[in-house]
């Protein structure tokens, strides 16, 4: 687990993915432990690694999409506890695994065919603070309830997708913002589960092995990615996301069957459809903004 989280902590600091993105499949698929352990471990280990990375981000004064981040924090502060207490207990173990696989499998596919476009964005932090706050509020509420509470990760990917596809924000802003929101949600998750006394009994041993690694590895990922570039890192992680989706479907075939596999593929297609809708909306907003700028440009006087 410590070795696995060395990679996981680097991904947590350098990509819009929490350390649980590696920890969950290692525990659930490789070690064949319950999905609830993977979810609880994600909360616990990210509360160390991603908080450490966030402190490093703030210390370096990196730019963040603050309006959307504040909205997502407010929304998830309500959604994550509600999801942990009332939604997650209703989800069978199998569908926790499939939910995780679908979320990150679709995210990986998005980057495999849109990576060049995503890495070319150059916007700062969004041009409409009030709108960005409202978007963040809705995304935080929904993702906190139906993604973070069930799998231990997900709100970072959702917020990142809104930033790069809808607002077309530079990765240097979008990725640190996603790290901070996942750190916040992990702390909220740890607090709620501690007050509810609802921890899986095997979490502490795995956390004890991984915590020292991620405390250093996550901020190191923030630092190293600035030198090696985000595109190669995102490409590798995207491939790993697709691999874990295939791995999950193969490992759970006996319970999934053809019907379950079909539903999983439909869910991936639905996620990709949502991403493409955000992208199309973002392109319309860009065209609208450009037209307004052209109309606002002063007309030069004609000589003579």
C-alpha atoms as a PDB file:
ATOM      1  CA  UNK A   1       0.000   0.000   0.000  1.00  0.00           C
ATOM      2  CA  UNK A   2       2.840   2.414   0.779  1.00  0.00           C
ATOM      3  CA  UNK A   3       4.432   1.712  -2.619  1.00  0.00           C
ATOM      4  CA  UNK A   4       1.103   2.139  -4.424  1.00  0.00           C
ATOM      5  CA  UNK A   5       0.426   5.446  -2.675  1.00  0.00           C
ATOM      6  CA  UNK A   6       3.817   6.775  -3.724  1.00  0.00           C
ATOM      7  CA  UNK A   7       2.316   6.829  -7.225  1.00  0.00           C
ATOM      8  CA  UNK A   8      -1.092   7.838  -5.911  1.00  0.00           C
ATOM      9  CA  UNK A   9       0.251  10.833  -4.019  1.00  0.00           C
ATOM     10  CA  UNK A  10       2.120  12.079  -7.097  1.00  0.00           C
ATOM     11  CA  UNK A  11      -1.111  11.839  -9.101  1.00  0.00           C
ATOM     12  CA  UNK A  12      -2.982  13.618  -6.297  1.00  0.00           C
ATOM     13  CA  UNK A  13      -0.685  16.636  -6.467  1.00  0.00           C
ATOM     14  CA  UNK A  14      -0.172  16.820 -10.226  1.00  0.00           C
ATOM     15  CA  UNK A  15      -3.551  15.851 -11.709  1.00  0.00           C
ATOM     16  CA  UNK A  16      -7.261  16.466 -10.984  1.00  0.00           C
ATOM     17  CA  UNK A  17      -7.410  13.101  -9.218  1.00  0.00           C
ATOM     18  CA  UNK A  18      -7.294  12.334  -5.538  1.00  0.00           C
ATOM     19  CA  UNK A  19      -4.878   9.837  -4.076  1.00  0.00           C
ATOM     20  CA  UNK A  20      -7.868   7.563  -3.583  1.00  0.00           C
ATOM     21  CA  UNK A  21      -7.954   7.160  -7.359  1.00  0.00           C
ATOM     22  CA  UNK A  22      -4.985   4.816  -6.935  1.00  0.00           C
ATOM     23  CA  UNK A  23      -5.719   3.619  -3.405  1.00  0.00           C
ATOM     24  CA  UNK A  24      -9.276   2.496  -4.178  1.00  0.00           C
ATOM     25  CA  UNK A  25      -8.458   0.093  -7.058  1.00  0.00           C
ATOM     26  CA  UNK A  26      -5.348  -1.221  -5.281  1.00  0.00           C
ATOM     27  CA  UNK A  27      -7.354  -2.144  -2.187  1.00  0.00           C
ATOM     28  CA  UNK A  28     -10.517  -3.289  -3.959  1.00  0.00           C
ATOM     29  CA  UNK A  29      -9.194  -4.913  -7.139  1.00  0.00           C
ATOM     30  CA  UNK A  30      -5.654  -6.002  -6.236  1.00  0.00           C
ATOM     31  CA  UNK A  31      -6.118  -6.879  -2.552  1.00  0.00           C
ATOM     32  CA  UNK A  32      -9.770  -7.957  -3.025  1.00  0.00           C
ATOM     33  CA  UNK A  33     -11.089  -5.984  -0.060  1.00  0.00           C
ATOM     34  CA  UNK A  34     -14.616  -4.500   0.292  1.00  0.00           C
ATOM     35  CA  UNK A  35     -15.398  -1.336  -1.659  1.00  0.00           C
ATOM     36  CA  UNK A  36     -16.378   0.375   1.588  1.00  0.00           C
ATOM     37  CA  UNK A  37     -12.757  -0.009   2.762  1.00  0.00           C
ATOM     38  CA  UNK A  38     -11.513   1.620  -0.462  1.00  0.00           C
ATOM     39  CA  UNK A  39     -13.918   4.534   0.030  1.00  0.00           C
ATOM     40  CA  UNK A  40     -13.020   5.056   3.692  1.00  0.00           C
ATOM     41  CA  UNK A  41      -9.309   4.761   2.915  1.00  0.00           C
ATOM     42  CA  UNK A  42      -9.679   7.418   0.206  1.00  0.00           C
ATOM     43  CA  UNK A  43     -11.100   9.874   2.743  1.00  0.00           C
ATOM     44  CA  UNK A  44      -8.428   9.090   5.313  1.00  0.00           C
ATOM     45  CA  UNK A  45      -5.364   9.167   3.067  1.00  0.00           C
ATOM     46  CA  UNK A  46      -6.475  12.236   1.094  1.00  0.00           C
ATOM     47  CA  UNK A  47      -7.050  14.155   4.308  1.00  0.00           C
ATOM     48  CA  UNK A  48      -3.262  13.920   4.725  1.00  0.00           C
ATOM     49  CA  UNK A  49      -1.880  13.955   1.178  1.00  0.00           C
ATOM     50  CA  UNK A  50      -4.179  16.442  -0.512  1.00  0.00           C
ATOM     51  CA  UNK A  51      -4.243  18.765   2.474  1.00  0.00           C
ATOM     52  CA  UNK A  52      -0.430  18.704   2.389  1.00  0.00           C
ATOM     53  CA  UNK A  53      -0.504  19.473  -1.345  1.00  0.00           C
ATOM     54  CA  UNK A  54      -3.036  22.284  -0.759  1.00  0.00           C
ATOM     55  CA  UNK A  55      -0.808  23.885   1.857  1.00  0.00           C
ATOM     56  CA  UNK A  56       2.047  23.788  -0.649  1.00  0.00           C
ATOM     57  CA  UNK A  57      -0.225  25.335  -3.320  1.00  0.00           C
ATOM     58  CA  UNK A  58      -1.218  28.188  -0.998  1.00  0.00           C
ATOM     59  CA  UNK A  59       2.387  28.714   0.097  1.00  0.00           C
ATOM     60  CA  UNK A  60       3.417  29.098  -3.556  1.00  0.00           C
ATOM     61  CA  UNK A  61       0.511  31.524  -4.132  1.00  0.00           C
ATOM     62  CA  UNK A  62      -0.675  29.570  -7.149  1.00  0.00           C
ATOM     63  CA  UNK A  63      -3.732  30.988  -8.888  1.00  0.00           C
ATOM     64  CA  UNK A  64      -7.049  29.313  -8.122  1.00  0.00           C
ATOM     65  CA  UNK A  65     -10.542  29.664  -9.589  1.00  0.00           C
ATOM     66  CA  UNK A  66     -11.762  31.094  -6.312  1.00  0.00           C
ATOM     67  CA  UNK A  67     -15.391  31.862  -7.229  1.00  0.00           C
ATOM     68  CA  UNK A  68     -16.157  28.326  -8.390  1.00  0.00           C
ATOM     69  CA  UNK A  69     -14.058  26.873  -5.569  1.00  0.00           C
ATOM     70  CA  UNK A  70     -16.012  28.783  -2.909  1.00  0.00           C
ATOM     71  CA  UNK A  71     -19.304  27.672  -4.439  1.00  0.00           C
ATOM     72  CA  UNK A  72     -18.184  24.037  -4.582  1.00  0.00           C
ATOM     73  CA  UNK A  73     -17.063  24.173  -0.952  1.00  0.00           C
ATOM     74  CA  UNK A  74     -20.441  25.518   0.165  1.00  0.00           C
ATOM     75  CA  UNK A  75     -22.349  22.935  -1.887  1.00  0.00           C
ATOM     76  CA  UNK A  76     -20.233  19.973  -0.817  1.00  0.00           C
ATOM     77  CA  UNK A  77     -20.380  21.038   2.825  1.00  0.00           C
ATOM     78  CA  UNK A  78     -24.059  20.075   2.610  1.00  0.00           C
ATOM     79  CA  UNK A  79     -23.915  17.342  -0.045  1.00  0.00           C
ATOM     80  CA  UNK A  80     -21.041  15.213   1.272  1.00  0.00           C
ATOM     81  CA  UNK A  81     -22.483  14.669   4.794  1.00  0.00           C
ATOM     82  CA  UNK A  82     -25.948  13.976   3.356  1.00  0.00           C
ATOM     83  CA  UNK A  83     -24.482  11.461   0.925  1.00  0.00           C
ATOM     84  CA  UNK A  84     -22.369   9.693   3.553  1.00  0.00           C
ATOM     85  CA  UNK A  85     -25.234   9.389   6.021  1.00  0.00           C
ATOM     86  CA  UNK A  86     -28.197   8.684   3.735  1.00  0.00           C
ATOM     87  CA  UNK A  87     -27.080   7.711   0.207  1.00  0.00           C
ATOM     88  CA  UNK A  88     -23.903   5.603   0.563  1.00  0.00           C
ATOM     89  CA  UNK A  89     -25.521   3.020   2.936  1.00  0.00           C
ATOM     90  CA  UNK A  90     -28.100   2.248   0.214  1.00  0.00           C
ATOM     91  CA  UNK A  91     -25.533   1.467  -2.506  1.00  0.00           C
ATOM     92  CA  UNK A  92     -24.453  -2.208  -2.816  1.00  0.00           C
ATOM     93  CA  UNK A  93     -20.733  -2.979  -2.743  1.00  0.00           C
ATOM     94  CA  UNK A  94     -20.712  -3.989  -6.405  1.00  0.00           C
ATOM     95  CA  UNK A  95     -22.158  -0.677  -7.533  1.00  0.00           C
ATOM     96  CA  UNK A  96     -19.681   1.272  -5.435  1.00  0.00           C
ATOM     97  CA  UNK A  97     -16.931  -0.429  -7.480  1.00  0.00           C
ATOM     98  CA  UNK A  98     -18.746   0.178 -10.759  1.00  0.00           C
ATOM     99  CA  UNK A  99     -19.483   3.819  -9.881  1.00  0.00           C
ATOM    100  CA  UNK A 100     -15.795   4.418  -9.255  1.00  0.00           C
ATOM    101  CA  UNK A 101     -14.811   2.634 -12.463  1.00  0.00           C
ATOM    102  CA  UNK A 102     -17.349   4.570 -14.550  1.00  0.00           C
ATOM    103  CA  UNK A 103     -16.403   7.988 -13.139  1.00  0.00           C
ATOM    104  CA  UNK A 104     -12.693   7.600 -13.760  1.00  0.00           C
ATOM    105  CA  UNK A 105     -12.997   5.497 -16.910  1.00  0.00           C
ATOM    106  CA  UNK A 106     -15.011   8.244 -18.616  1.00  0.00           C
ATOM    107  CA  UNK A 107     -12.565  10.842 -17.319  1.00  0.00           C
ATOM    108  CA  UNK A 108      -9.659   8.902 -18.822  1.00  0.00           C
ATOM    109  CA  UNK A 109     -11.399   8.562 -22.191  1.00  0.00           C
ATOM    110  CA  UNK A 110     -12.123  12.291 -22.247  1.00  0.00           C
ATOM    111  CA  UNK A 111      -8.411  13.048 -21.912  1.00  0.00           C
ATOM    112  CA  UNK A 112      -7.362  10.498 -24.494  1.00  0.00           C
ATOM    113  CA  UNK A 113      -9.284  12.300 -27.244  1.00  0.00           C
ATOM    114  CA  UNK A 114      -9.432  15.893 -25.897  1.00  0.00           C
ATOM    115  CA  UNK A 115      -6.017  16.248 -24.250  1.00  0.00           C
ATOM    116  CA  UNK A 116      -4.510  18.525 -26.912  1.00  0.00           C
ATOM    117  CA  UNK A 117      -7.447  20.927 -26.695  1.00  0.00           C
ATOM    118  CA  UNK A 118      -7.568  20.894 -22.890  1.00  0.00           C
ATOM    119  CA  UNK A 119      -3.850  21.625 -22.535  1.00  0.00           C
ATOM    120  CA  UNK A 120      -4.144  24.571 -24.949  1.00  0.00           C
ATOM    121  CA  UNK A 121      -6.575  26.593 -22.794  1.00  0.00           C
ATOM    122  CA  UNK A 122      -5.230  29.878 -21.461  1.00  0.00           C
ATOM    123  CA  UNK A 123      -8.092  31.543 -19.576  1.00  0.00           C
ATOM    124  CA  UNK A 124      -7.362  32.738 -16.070  1.00  0.00           C
ATOM    125  CA  UNK A 125     -10.075  32.071 -13.509  1.00  0.00           C
ATOM    126  CA  UNK A 126     -13.344  32.505 -15.351  1.00  0.00           C
ATOM    127  CA  UNK A 127     -14.901  35.817 -16.358  1.00  0.00           C
ATOM    128  CA  UNK A 128     -18.150  35.818 -14.367  1.00  0.00           C
ATOM    129  CA  UNK A 129     -17.661  35.362 -10.586  1.00  0.00           C
ATOM    130  CA  UNK A 130     -21.392  35.233  -9.738  1.00  0.00           C
ATOM    131  CA  UNK A 131     -22.079  32.617 -12.423  1.00  0.00           C
ATOM    132  CA  UNK A 132     -18.996  30.595 -11.460  1.00  0.00           C
ATOM    133  CA  UNK A 133     -20.090  30.570  -7.800  1.00  0.00           C
ATOM    134  CA  UNK A 134     -23.544  29.257  -8.732  1.00  0.00           C
ATOM    135  CA  UNK A 135     -22.059  26.556 -10.961  1.00  0.00           C
ATOM    136  CA  UNK A 136     -19.663  25.528  -8.191  1.00  0.00           C
ATOM    137  CA  UNK A 137     -22.506  25.443  -5.659  1.00  0.00           C
ATOM    138  CA  UNK A 138     -24.600  23.081  -7.781  1.00  0.00           C
ATOM    139  CA  UNK A 139     -21.657  20.858  -8.724  1.00  0.00           C
ATOM    140  CA  UNK A 140     -20.475  20.685  -5.124  1.00  0.00           C
ATOM    141  CA  UNK A 141     -23.908  19.665  -3.866  1.00  0.00           C
ATOM    142  CA  UNK A 142     -24.468  16.996  -6.534  1.00  0.00           C
ATOM    143  CA  UNK A 143     -20.910  15.606  -6.643  1.00  0.00           C
ATOM    144  CA  UNK A 144     -20.607  15.598  -2.866  1.00  0.00           C
ATOM    145  CA  UNK A 145     -23.837  13.621  -2.504  1.00  0.00           C
ATOM    146  CA  UNK A 146     -23.507  11.144  -5.353  1.00  0.00           C
ATOM    147  CA  UNK A 147     -19.772  10.825  -6.065  1.00  0.00           C
ATOM    148  CA  UNK A 148     -17.631  11.652  -3.027  1.00  0.00           C
ATOM    149  CA  UNK A 149     -19.951  10.030  -0.499  1.00  0.00           C
ATOM    150  CA  UNK A 150     -20.098   6.792  -2.512  1.00  0.00           C
ATOM    151  CA  UNK A 151     -16.534   6.403  -3.813  1.00  0.00           C
ATOM    152  CA  UNK A 152     -14.428   8.795  -1.727  1.00  0.00           C
ATOM    153  CA  UNK A 153     -13.408  10.772  -4.824  1.00  0.00           C
ATOM    154  CA  UNK A 154     -15.032  12.566  -7.752  1.00  0.00           C
ATOM    155  CA  UNK A 155     -15.698  16.194  -6.901  1.00  0.00           C
ATOM    156  CA  UNK A 156     -12.177  17.110  -8.033  1.00  0.00           C
ATOM    157  CA  UNK A 157     -12.870  15.639 -11.479  1.00  0.00           C
ATOM    158  CA  UNK A 158     -16.292  17.309 -11.720  1.00  0.00           C
ATOM    159  CA  UNK A 159     -14.975  20.761 -10.806  1.00  0.00           C
ATOM    160  CA  UNK A 160     -11.967  20.347 -13.078  1.00  0.00           C
ATOM    161  CA  UNK A 161     -14.223  19.332 -15.987  1.00  0.00           C
ATOM    162  CA  UNK A 162     -16.368  22.440 -15.488  1.00  0.00           C
ATOM    163  CA  UNK A 163     -13.279  24.654 -15.410  1.00  0.00           C
ATOM    164  CA  UNK A 164     -11.525  23.264 -18.498  1.00  0.00           C
ATOM    165  CA  UNK A 165     -14.566  22.428 -20.637  1.00  0.00           C
ATOM    166  CA  UNK A 166     -17.065  25.136 -19.722  1.00  0.00           C
ATOM    167  CA  UNK A 167     -14.805  28.023 -18.632  1.00  0.00           C
ATOM    168  CA  UNK A 168     -11.758  26.882 -20.685  1.00  0.00           C
ATOM    169  CA  UNK A 169      -9.423  27.647 -17.801  1.00  0.00           C
ATOM    170  CA  UNK A 170      -5.684  27.028 -17.954  1.00  0.00           C
ATOM    171  CA  UNK A 171      -4.560  23.723 -16.380  1.00  0.00           C
ATOM    172  CA  UNK A 172      -2.197  25.689 -14.124  1.00  0.00           C
ATOM    173  CA  UNK A 173      -5.339  27.065 -12.472  1.00  0.00           C
ATOM    174  CA  UNK A 174      -7.784  24.171 -12.890  1.00  0.00           C
ATOM    175  CA  UNK A 175      -5.612  21.404 -11.407  1.00  0.00           C
ATOM    176  CA  UNK A 176      -4.621  23.219  -8.175  1.00  0.00           C
ATOM    177  CA  UNK A 177      -8.285  24.186  -7.721  1.00  0.00           C
ATOM    178  CA  UNK A 178      -9.312  20.533  -8.042  1.00  0.00           C
ATOM    179  CA  UNK A 179      -6.666  19.534  -5.485  1.00  0.00           C
ATOM    180  CA  UNK A 180      -7.971  22.045  -2.934  1.00  0.00           C
ATOM    181  CA  UNK A 181     -11.642  21.024  -3.324  1.00  0.00           C
ATOM    182  CA  UNK A 182     -10.788  17.331  -2.874  1.00  0.00           C
ATOM    183  CA  UNK A 183      -8.704  18.138   0.198  1.00  0.00           C
ATOM    184  CA  UNK A 184     -11.660  20.042   1.657  1.00  0.00           C
ATOM    185  CA  UNK A 185     -14.091  17.196   0.940  1.00  0.00           C
ATOM    186  CA  UNK A 186     -11.727  14.603   2.394  1.00  0.00           C
ATOM    187  CA  UNK A 187     -11.565  16.515   5.672  1.00  0.00           C
ATOM    188  CA  UNK A 188     -15.367  16.838   5.672  1.00  0.00           C
ATOM    189  CA  UNK A 189     -15.643  13.097   4.990  1.00  0.00           C
ATOM    190  CA  UNK A 190     -13.252  12.235   7.819  1.00  0.00           C
ATOM    191  CA  UNK A 191     -15.154  14.486  10.230  1.00  0.00           C
ATOM    192  CA  UNK A 192     -18.573  13.053   9.322  1.00  0.00           C
ATOM    193  CA  UNK A 193     -17.442   9.422   9.457  1.00  0.00           C
ATOM    194  CA  UNK A 194     -15.641  10.007  12.765  1.00  0.00           C
ATOM    195  CA  UNK A 195     -18.696  11.588  14.361  1.00  0.00           C
ATOM    196  CA  UNK A 196     -20.900   8.801  12.997  1.00  0.00           C
ATOM    197  CA  UNK A 197     -18.411   6.096  14.116  1.00  0.00           C
ATOM    198  CA  UNK A 198     -18.725   4.511  10.681  1.00  0.00           C
ATOM    199  CA  UNK A 199     -15.113   3.632   9.771  1.00  0.00           C
ATOM    200  CA  UNK A 200     -14.208   0.304   8.199  1.00  0.00           C
ATOM    201  CA  UNK A 201     -12.067  -1.549  10.813  1.00  0.00           C
ATOM    202  CA  UNK A 202      -9.126  -2.085   8.418  1.00  0.00           C
ATOM    203  CA  UNK A 203      -8.718   1.557   7.439  1.00  0.00           C
ATOM    204  CA  UNK A 204      -6.289   2.554  10.166  1.00  0.00           C
ATOM    205  CA  UNK A 205      -3.602  -0.007   9.321  1.00  0.00           C
ATOM    206  CA  UNK A 206      -3.570   0.928   5.645  1.00  0.00           C
ATOM    207  CA  UNK A 207      -3.682   4.619   6.486  1.00  0.00           C
ATOM    208  CA  UNK A 208      -0.741   4.236   8.865  1.00  0.00           C
ATOM    209  CA  UNK A 209       1.346   2.683   6.077  1.00  0.00           C
ATOM    210  CA  UNK A 210       0.419   5.310   3.484  1.00  0.00           C
ATOM    211  CA  UNK A 211       0.124   8.582   5.435  1.00  0.00           C
ATOM    212  CA  UNK A 212       3.868   9.365   5.725  1.00  0.00           C
ATOM    213  CA  UNK A 213       4.300   8.671   1.998  1.00  0.00           C
ATOM    214  CA  UNK A 214       1.448  10.883   0.807  1.00  0.00           C
ATOM    215  CA  UNK A 215       2.325  13.713   3.193  1.00  0.00           C
ATOM    216  CA  UNK A 216       5.512  14.215   1.157  1.00  0.00           C
ATOM    217  CA  UNK A 217       4.478  12.717  -2.189  1.00  0.00           C
ATOM    218  CA  UNK A 218       1.480  14.955  -2.917  1.00  0.00           C
ATOM    219  CA  UNK A 219       3.296  18.309  -2.592  1.00  0.00           C
ATOM    220  CA  UNK A 220       6.212  16.748  -4.470  1.00  0.00           C
ATOM    221  CA  UNK A 221       3.780  16.038  -7.326  1.00  0.00           C
ATOM    222  CA  UNK A 222       2.769  19.726  -7.348  1.00  0.00           C
ATOM    223  CA  UNK A 223       6.446  20.677  -7.634  1.00  0.00           C
ATOM    224  CA  UNK A 224       7.659  18.051 -10.129  1.00  0.00           C
ATOM    225  CA  UNK A 225       4.807  18.472 -12.612  1.00  0.00           C
ATOM    226  CA  UNK A 226       5.876  22.089 -13.099  1.00  0.00           C
ATOM    227  CA  UNK A 227       9.157  20.784 -14.547  1.00  0.00           C
ATOM    228  CA  UNK A 228       8.051  17.718 -16.534  1.00  0.00           C
ATOM    229  CA  UNK A 229       4.786  19.222 -17.820  1.00  0.00           C
ATOM    230  CA  UNK A 230       1.182  18.266 -17.207  1.00  0.00           C
ATOM    231  CA  UNK A 231       0.442  16.714 -20.577  1.00  0.00           C
ATOM    232  CA  UNK A 232       2.601  13.546 -20.184  1.00  0.00           C
ATOM    233  CA  UNK A 233       1.332  13.026 -16.638  1.00  0.00           C
ATOM    234  CA  UNK A 234      -2.310  13.421 -17.659  1.00  0.00           C
ATOM    235  CA  UNK A 235      -1.829  11.044 -20.576  1.00  0.00           C
ATOM    236  CA  UNK A 236      -0.374   8.290 -18.367  1.00  0.00           C
ATOM    237  CA  UNK A 237      -3.075   8.727 -15.727  1.00  0.00           C
ATOM    238  CA  UNK A 238      -5.815   8.726 -18.394  1.00  0.00           C
ATOM    239  CA  UNK A 239      -4.586   5.356 -19.672  1.00  0.00           C
ATOM    240  CA  UNK A 240      -4.561   3.998 -16.107  1.00  0.00           C
ATOM    241  CA  UNK A 241      -8.160   5.192 -15.625  1.00  0.00           C
ATOM    242  CA  UNK A 242      -9.321   3.286 -18.703  1.00  0.00           C
ATOM    243  CA  UNK A 243      -7.341   0.205 -17.642  1.00  0.00           C
ATOM    244  CA  UNK A 244      -8.974   0.172 -14.197  1.00  0.00           C
ATOM    245  CA  UNK A 245     -12.433   0.363 -15.820  1.00  0.00           C
ATOM    246  CA  UNK A 246     -11.664  -2.678 -17.981  1.00  0.00           C
ATOM    247  CA  UNK A 247     -10.067  -4.450 -14.995  1.00  0.00           C
ATOM    248  CA  UNK A 248     -13.146  -3.828 -12.845  1.00  0.00           C
ATOM    249  CA  UNK A 249     -15.525  -5.142 -15.507  1.00  0.00           C
ATOM    250  CA  UNK A 250     -13.424  -8.285 -15.990  1.00  0.00           C
ATOM    251  CA  UNK A 251     -13.007  -8.888 -12.252  1.00  0.00           C
ATOM    252  CA  UNK A 252     -16.733  -8.425 -11.549  1.00  0.00           C
ATOM    253  CA  UNK A 253     -18.040 -10.204 -14.656  1.00  0.00           C
ATOM    254  CA  UNK A 254     -19.583 -13.038 -12.635  1.00  0.00           C
ATOM    255  CA  UNK A 255     -21.842 -10.585 -10.785  1.00  0.00           C
ATOM    256  CA  UNK A 256     -22.213  -8.013 -13.558  1.00  0.00           C
ATOM    257  CA  UNK A 257     -23.140 -10.243 -16.460  1.00  0.00           C
ATOM    258  CA  UNK A 258     -24.001  -8.848 -19.867  1.00  0.00           C
ATOM    259  CA  UNK A 259     -26.745  -6.624 -18.477  1.00  0.00           C
ATOM    260  CA  UNK A 260     -24.514  -5.028 -15.859  1.00  0.00           C
ATOM    261  CA  UNK A 261     -21.731  -4.502 -18.379  1.00  0.00           C
ATOM    262  CA  UNK A 262     -24.190  -2.870 -20.750  1.00  0.00           C
ATOM    263  CA  UNK A 263     -25.400  -0.504 -18.028  1.00  0.00           C
ATOM    264  CA  UNK A 264     -21.794   0.349 -17.154  1.00  0.00           C
ATOM    265  CA  UNK A 265     -21.006   1.211 -20.773  1.00  0.00           C
ATOM    266  CA  UNK A 266     -24.174   3.303 -21.005  1.00  0.00           C
ATOM    267  CA  UNK A 267     -23.097   5.144 -17.844  1.00  0.00           C
ATOM    268  CA  UNK A 268     -19.665   5.861 -19.364  1.00  0.00           C
ATOM    269  CA  UNK A 269     -21.354   7.137 -22.538  1.00  0.00           C
ATOM    270  CA  UNK A 270     -23.649   9.341 -20.422  1.00  0.00           C
ATOM    271  CA  UNK A 271     -20.648  10.833 -18.594  1.00  0.00           C
ATOM    272  CA  UNK A 272     -18.896  11.520 -21.899  1.00  0.00           C
ATOM    273  CA  UNK A 273     -22.100  13.074 -23.207  1.00  0.00           C
ATOM    274  CA  UNK A 274     -22.165  15.362 -20.169  1.00  0.00           C
ATOM    275  CA  UNK A 275     -18.542  16.353 -20.782  1.00  0.00           C
ATOM    276  CA  UNK A 276     -19.269  17.111 -24.440  1.00  0.00           C
ATOM    277  CA  UNK A 277     -22.309  19.175 -23.466  1.00  0.00           C
ATOM    278  CA  UNK A 278     -20.116  21.267 -21.148  1.00  0.00           C
ATOM    279  CA  UNK A 279     -17.573  21.695 -23.936  1.00  0.00           C
ATOM    280  CA  UNK A 280     -20.229  22.788 -26.446  1.00  0.00           C
ATOM    281  CA  UNK A 281     -21.669  25.240 -23.931  1.00  0.00           C
ATOM    282  CA  UNK A 282     -18.179  26.570 -23.249  1.00  0.00           C
ATOM    283  CA  UNK A 283     -17.577  27.144 -26.970  1.00  0.00           C
ATOM    284  CA  UNK A 284     -20.872  29.063 -27.231  1.00  0.00           C
ATOM    285  CA  UNK A 285     -19.894  31.238 -24.278  1.00  0.00           C
ATOM    286  CA  UNK A 286     -16.526  31.968 -25.901  1.00  0.00           C
ATOM    287  CA  UNK A 287     -18.164  32.972 -29.184  1.00  0.00           C
ATOM    288  CA  UNK A 288     -20.674  35.165 -27.330  1.00  0.00           C
ATOM    289  CA  UNK A 289     -17.872  36.820 -25.364  1.00  0.00           C
ATOM    290  CA  UNK A 290     -15.833  37.447 -28.520  1.00  0.00           C
ATOM    291  CA  UNK A 291     -18.813  39.039 -30.270  1.00  0.00           C
ATOM    292  CA  UNK A 292     -19.398  41.339 -27.317  1.00  0.00           C
ATOM    293  CA  UNK A 293     -15.751  42.350 -27.309  1.00  0.00           C
ATOM    294  CA  UNK A 294     -15.934  43.167 -31.019  1.00  0.00           C
ATOM    295  CA  UNK A 295     -19.044  45.289 -30.503  1.00  0.00           C
ATOM    296  CA  UNK A 296     -17.383  47.139 -27.621  1.00  0.00           C
ATOM    297  CA  UNK A 297     -14.254  47.956 -29.660  1.00  0.00           C
ATOM    298  CA  UNK A 298     -13.999  51.664 -30.528  1.00  0.00           C
ATOM    299  CA  UNK A 299     -14.467  52.518 -34.201  1.00  0.00           C
ATOM    300  CA  UNK A 300     -11.369  54.247 -35.591  1.00  0.00           C
ATOM    301  CA  UNK A 301     -11.936  57.574 -37.277  1.00  0.00           C
ATOM    302  CA  UNK A 302     -11.672  57.481 -41.080  1.00  0.00           C
ATOM    303  CA  UNK A 303      -8.774  59.736 -42.292  1.00  0.00           C
ATOM    304  CA  UNK A 304      -9.866  62.817 -44.303  1.00  0.00           C
END
